[in-house]
C-alpha atoms as a PDB file:
ATOM      1  CA  MET A   1      97.175 106.980 105.356  1.00  0.00           C
ATOM      2  CA  LYS A   2      96.387 110.854 104.455  1.00  0.00           C
ATOM      3  CA  ALA A   3      99.017 110.634 101.888  1.00  0.00           C
ATOM      4  CA  GLN A   4      97.180 107.786 100.043  1.00  0.00           C
ATOM      5  CA  LEU A   5      93.864 109.614 100.160  1.00  0.00           C
ATOM      6  CA  LEU A   6      95.660 112.435  98.785  1.00  0.00           C
ATOM      7  CA  GLN A   7      97.415 110.442  95.926  1.00  0.00           C
ATOM      8  CA  LEU A   8      94.030 108.900  95.270  1.00  0.00           C
ATOM      9  CA  LEU A   9      92.230 112.287  94.918  1.00  0.00           C
ATOM     10  CA  LEU A  10      95.110 113.501  92.490  1.00  0.00           C
ATOM     11  CA  LEU A  11      94.821 110.685  90.434  1.00  0.00           C
ATOM     12  CA  THR A  12      91.256 110.514  89.977  1.00  0.00           C
ATOM     13  CA  GLN A  13      91.145 114.486  89.188  1.00  0.00           C
ATOM     14  CA  SER A  14      93.679 113.951  86.411  1.00  0.00           C
ATOM     15  CA  GLN A  15      92.487 110.401  85.454  1.00  0.00           C
ATOM     16  CA  LYS A  16      88.648 111.199  85.632  1.00  0.00           C
ATOM     17  CA  ARG A  17      88.445 112.284  82.110  1.00  0.00           C
ATOM     18  CA  ARG A  18      90.674 109.456  80.508  1.00  0.00           C
ATOM     19  CA  TYR A  19      88.628 106.869  82.971  1.00  0.00           C
ATOM     20  CA  ALA A  20      85.467 108.260  81.865  1.00  0.00           C
ATOM     21  CA  ALA A  21      86.453 108.351  78.200  1.00  0.00           C
ATOM     22  CA  ARG A  22      87.560 104.636  78.488  1.00  0.00           C
ATOM     23  CA  ALA A  23      84.218 103.870  80.135  1.00  0.00           C
ATOM     24  CA  LEU A  24      82.248 105.506  77.477  1.00  0.00           C
ATOM     25  CA  ILE A  25      84.293 104.118  74.660  1.00  0.00           C
ATOM     26  CA  PRO A  26      83.941 100.057  74.577  1.00  0.00           C
ATOM     27  CA  ARG A  27      86.888  98.172  74.031  1.00  0.00           C
ATOM     28  CA  GLY A  28      87.026  96.523  70.641  1.00  0.00           C
END
């Protein structure tokens, strides 16, 4: 269980910028 949480945290930290960018940029 903890491993999954750690992985999620790492993914969020690394993909936060990309995810935010995608959220800001509308898909055309």
